[in-house]
Amino acid sequence: MRVALLSGWHVHAAEYAQYAVNHSEVELHFIWDTDEIRGRAFAERFDAMYVQNLNDIWEQVDGVIIASPTNQHFALISEALNQGKHVFSEKVLAMNLDECRKIREILENKNVVLTLCLPRLSDAYFLYAVSALEQGLLGRLHSIRCRLHHDGILSSAEHPQGWLPAEFLDRSLTGGGALIDLGAHPIYLANRLAGTPVSVSALFSSFYSSDVEDQATVCVKYESGCVAVLETGFVSGQRSFLLELHGSDGSLMVDQQSVRIASRHLPHQAWQTPLLPKPLPHPFSQWVATVLHHEPQNTSWQDIEHLTLINDAAQLSHQKRRIVDISEIGGLQID
């Protein structure tokens, strides 16, 4: 599978390029970037060819890796799909729900694979959480809390301006701040666990950024009645990931990768540490396996669209300072 990396802009761009180089069934041939200096540096680093004109690659690749600013996603992904190329993209898919649905329309008419990188859906702790719910260990799920924070824009001796590139705080490039970037993980995890969202309430704060939020708290209510509190930010002195599931028959707690569960249905009802399943391959490997071997991947269009749906609703909720019904954002159109 011959691929091109479209931009080295994103902080995960080098990671994706390395996945391609390391994969036994993938060849990274081209690097395209609007920043020629960055593009040539990536090409040299990964032994690929730098190209300035996208039209130079379409006849020579099977797929592309999108690691550009989010405001370029729609144009790049649409062009790749129209050229009949498979697409692996950094989150989020596009700047808004309308762009996502236009991409889906193109995708429906093409025999290609699109994968959005939502890696925590494949982690062992999350697979166990899904299994615990399916087994009824928690009973009826009524609340979720998910917190993911890092120190990306905090000053340090090594990074006086923070290690996160300043461009990540440019709304015109990203479509938002902490929520649309780091907050994507709590959103797609809660969506997968709780089902169909019906309303969203959001509060944003800007401690160090003037253009976008660098901290966000979002409450999502689902059709089931479950409420999720989702927290994210770039301003935490200690990186943290917490996931809590609370139901009528038990609770499950995740701290980083460590999992505890307490359930009426387990032999010992006190908190205990369960045996976790084997994690699934990284989404990049799943993409390749789907393209080459028609194997299923652990990301659905519902995961992709609902991620942007919650982002759009949260932005509107913050702007209007009220609860936003999902129908205000265009409703749900998942088959």
Foldseek 3Di string as FASTA:
>chain_A
DEEEEEAPPAPCSLVLLVVQLPDPVHDYAEYEHPPVVVRVVSCVVSVYYYDDDPVVPLVPGQAYEYRFQQQCQLVVLLVCLVSQHAYEYEPANHLFLVSLVVSVVSNVPHPYHYHYFQFVCQAQVLVVVQVCVVVCQQPQWAEKEKEWEAQQQDADPVRRRGPHDPVQLPCSRHNAHWCRHVVLNVQLSCCVVQPAWWKKAKAFDPDDGDRHGQKMWMWTAGPSNHIYIGIYGNRDPDTWIWMWIHHPFWIWIATPHFIWIAGPPDPDRDIDGDDTDDGDDGSVVVSVCCRPPVDDDSDDSCSNSSSNLRVVNRVVNNVVVHMDTSVVRVDDDDD
